[in-house]
Amino acid sequence: MPVELKTTLEKLYEKYFLPGNYIIDFPENYQDKESFNFTEKYNSILDTCILESIQTIKLLDIPVEVIIHKPIKKVHRYEFENHFGFGGHCEGFNSNKKIILCPKYKKIELDELLSKIDIDILNDNKIIELCLIMFLLGFWNKRQAINDLLNFLKSEINPDTIFEYLFQKL
């Protein structure tokens, strides 16, 4: 791996990480897959039951868990509304709303992660998967990190396609 890339990833972690979850909204027209197998689970922070599905996808040949949450019913609590991105008093509530919950803290040390992946030669798919790994393993929780990495790599990738790629992998 190029040293400059490792240094840039370290800087982006320092710049774009604050303890707290990052939420990725599914597109409204996304159809659930049977493999999602949602199970009802009590969430103590939201103080209610929600539906959860844990999917494993491979990114850069590393298995990565993707946690998907879906509401069951309206809950008029700030934590619930904020978690799912609804307005006050559940404005815009939709029982088909799905989000991906990225971890509050990194799940693996950066050096360990980088030792497991081969990114000496970067192509568009590897760049996209690297960006997704940084979110799904808890390194970034600000979308601006994607733009900064793409600028550093002088990539022509449209940042909006990063999450579209994730939805195709699920």
Protein backbone atom coordinates (compact mmCIF):
# COMPACT_ATOMS: atom_id res chain seq x y z
CA MET A 1 0.00 0.00 0.00
CA PRO A 2 1.28 3.44 -0.84
CA VAL A 3 2.44 5.28 2.28
CA GLU A 4 0.66 8.46 1.17
CA LEU A 5 -2.67 6.62 1.07
CA LYS A 6 -2.19 5.22 4.58
CA THR A 7 -1.28 8.69 5.88
CA THR A 8 -4.34 10.19 4.17
CA LEU A 9 -6.65 7.55 5.68
CA GLU A 10 -5.19 8.26 9.13
CA LYS A 11 -5.73 12.01 8.67
CA LEU A 12 -9.30 11.48 7.47
CA TYR A 13 -10.01 9.32 10.52
CA GLU A 14 -8.73 12.07 12.82
CA LYS A 15 -10.67 14.74 10.94
CA TYR A 16 -13.95 12.91 10.30
CA PHE A 17 -14.56 10.78 13.32
CA LEU A 18 -16.62 11.79 16.30
CA PRO A 19 -18.11 9.18 18.63
CA GLY A 20 -21.60 8.62 17.32
CA ASN A 21 -23.39 6.46 14.80
CA TYR A 22 -23.54 7.28 11.12
CA ILE A 23 -26.83 6.45 9.45
CA ILE A 24 -27.17 5.54 5.77
CA ASP A 25 -30.70 5.82 4.39
CA PHE A 26 -31.90 3.24 1.89
CA PRO A 27 -33.44 4.68 -1.27
CA GLU A 28 -37.23 4.87 -0.95
CA ASN A 29 -37.73 2.53 -3.92
CA TYR A 30 -35.41 -0.20 -2.56
CA GLN A 31 -37.17 -3.57 -2.33
CA ASP A 32 -36.46 -5.73 0.72
CA LYS A 33 -34.80 -9.01 -0.05
CA GLU A 34 -36.02 -12.23 1.51
CA SER A 35 -32.51 -12.78 2.84
CA PHE A 36 -32.90 -9.76 5.13
CA ASN A 37 -34.88 -11.86 7.63
CA PHE A 38 -35.77 -9.00 9.95
CA THR A 39 -36.16 -9.95 13.60
CA GLU A 40 -37.87 -7.90 16.27
CA LYS A 41 -35.40 -6.56 18.80
CA TYR A 42 -35.73 -4.23 21.78
CA ASN A 43 -33.51 -1.16 21.46
CA SER A 44 -32.90 0.39 24.88
CA ILE A 45 -31.71 3.73 23.49
CA LEU A 46 -34.91 4.12 21.45
CA ASP A 47 -36.96 2.54 24.25
CA THR A 48 -38.95 0.46 21.77
CA CYS A 49 -38.81 -2.63 19.61
CA ILE A 50 -37.57 -2.28 16.05
CA LEU A 51 -36.80 -4.70 13.24
CA GLU A 52 -33.15 -5.57 12.67
CA SER A 53 -31.32 -7.55 10.03
CA ILE A 54 -27.60 -8.26 9.98
CA GLN A 55 -26.15 -8.94 6.55
CA THR A 56 -22.57 -9.87 5.73
CA ILE A 57 -21.05 -8.61 2.52
CA LYS A 58 -17.52 -8.80 1.18
CA LEU A 59 -15.65 -5.59 0.55
CA LEU A 60 -12.02 -5.83 -0.58
CA ASP A 61 -12.30 -9.56 0.29
CA ILE A 62 -13.10 -8.77 3.94
CA PRO A 63 -16.44 -9.88 5.40
CA VAL A 64 -18.24 -6.82 6.76
CA GLU A 65 -21.42 -6.84 8.86
CA VAL A 66 -24.14 -4.45 7.73
CA ILE A 67 -26.78 -3.71 10.38
CA ILE A 68 -30.16 -2.70 8.95
CA HIS A 69 -32.90 -1.17 11.11
CA LYS A 70 -36.55 -0.72 10.27
CA PRO A 71 -39.29 0.82 12.46
CA ILE A 72 -42.33 -1.16 13.51
CA LYS A 73 -44.59 1.67 14.65
CA LYS A 74 -44.45 5.38 15.41
CA VAL A 75 -42.72 6.27 18.65
CA HIS A 76 -42.92 9.92 19.63
CA ARG A 77 -39.49 10.17 21.19
CA TYR A 78 -36.60 12.31 20.01
CA GLU A 79 -34.18 9.35 20.01
CA PHE A 80 -36.47 7.30 17.76
CA GLU A 81 -37.21 10.18 15.38
CA ASN A 82 -33.53 11.09 15.15
CA HIS A 83 -32.43 7.47 14.67
CA PHE A 84 -34.68 6.98 11.65
CA GLY A 85 -34.50 10.55 10.34
CA PHE A 86 -38.15 11.41 10.94
CA GLY A 87 -39.25 14.89 11.85
CA GLY A 88 -40.76 15.92 15.15
CA HIS A 89 -43.89 13.95 16.11
CA CYS A 90 -42.73 11.30 13.57
CA GLU A 91 -43.35 13.62 10.64
CA GLY A 92 -42.71 11.63 7.47
CA PHE A 93 -43.04 8.28 9.25
CA ASN A 94 -42.92 5.31 6.92
CA SER A 95 -42.93 1.73 8.21
CA ASN A 96 -40.92 0.71 5.14
CA LYS A 97 -38.06 3.07 6.04
CA LYS A 98 -34.74 1.26 6.33
CA ILE A 99 -31.40 2.55 7.54
CA ILE A 100 -27.92 1.11 7.84
CA LEU A 101 -26.39 1.75 11.23
CA CYS A 102 -22.63 2.27 11.15
CA PRO A 103 -20.75 1.69 14.42
CA LYS A 104 -19.97 4.42 16.95
CA TYR A 105 -16.33 3.37 17.22
CA LYS A 106 -13.94 1.64 14.85
CA LYS A 107 -14.22 -2.15 14.94
CA ILE A 108 -10.61 -2.83 13.98
CA GLU A 109 -7.36 -0.87 14.13
CA LEU A 110 -6.39 0.83 10.87
CA ASP A 111 -3.02 -0.97 10.63
CA GLU A 112 -4.74 -4.33 11.04
CA LEU A 113 -7.34 -3.42 8.41
CA LEU A 114 -4.71 -2.23 5.96
CA SER A 115 -2.69 -5.42 6.45
CA LYS A 116 -5.72 -7.45 5.30
CA ILE A 117 -6.44 -5.61 2.09
CA ASP A 118 -4.57 -5.38 -1.19
CA ILE A 119 -4.91 -1.89 -2.56
CA ASP A 120 -1.54 -1.39 -4.18
CA ILE A 121 -3.38 -1.03 -7.47
CA LEU A 122 -6.55 1.01 -7.11
CA ASN A 123 -9.43 0.79 -9.54
CA ASP A 124 -12.90 2.32 -9.17
CA ASN A 125 -14.41 -0.71 -7.40
CA LYS A 126 -11.55 -0.86 -4.89
CA ILE A 127 -11.87 2.85 -4.16
CA ILE A 128 -15.64 2.53 -3.64
CA GLU A 129 -15.21 -0.52 -1.40
CA LEU A 130 -12.48 1.22 0.62
CA CYS A 131 -14.83 4.17 1.23
CA LEU A 132 -17.61 1.80 2.34
CA ILE A 133 -15.28 -0.10 4.67
CA MET A 134 -14.26 3.15 6.33
CA PHE A 135 -17.93 3.85 7.17
CA LEU A 136 -19.11 0.31 7.93
CA LEU A 137 -16.18 -0.42 10.25
CA GLY A 138 -16.53 2.86 12.12
CA PHE A 139 -13.59 4.92 10.86
CA TRP A 140 -15.63 7.76 9.35
CA ASN A 141 -18.96 9.25 10.23
CA LYS A 142 -18.89 12.30 8.01
CA ARG A 143 -19.72 12.05 4.32
CA GLN A 144 -17.17 14.75 3.47
CA ALA A 145 -14.44 12.13 4.06
CA ILE A 146 -15.49 10.45 0.79
CA ASN A 147 -15.01 13.67 -1.16
CA ASP A 148 -11.63 14.28 0.46
CA LEU A 149 -10.39 10.76 -0.34
CA LEU A 150 -11.66 10.94 -3.92
CA ASN A 151 -9.93 14.31 -4.35
CA PHE A 152 -6.68 12.93 -2.90
CA LEU A 153 -6.82 9.99 -5.30
CA LYS A 154 -7.79 12.30 -8.19
CA SER A 155 -10.71 9.98 -8.84
CA GLU A 156 -13.55 10.73 -11.22
CA ILE A 157 -16.01 8.68 -9.13
CA ASN A 158 -19.23 10.49 -8.29
CA PRO A 159 -19.51 10.39 -4.47
CA ASP A 160 -23.24 9.58 -4.76
CA THR A 161 -22.40 6.24 -6.39
CA ILE A 162 -20.55 5.04 -3.27
CA PHE A 163 -23.73 4.17 -1.35
CA GLU A 164 -25.54 3.00 -4.50
CA TYR A 165 -22.81 0.36 -4.81
CA LEU A 166 -23.53 -0.76 -1.23
CA PHE A 167 -27.25 -1.19 -1.94
CA GLN A 168 -26.41 -3.34 -4.98
CA LYS A 169 -24.16 -5.55 -2.84
CA LEU A 170 -26.89 -6.20 -0.28
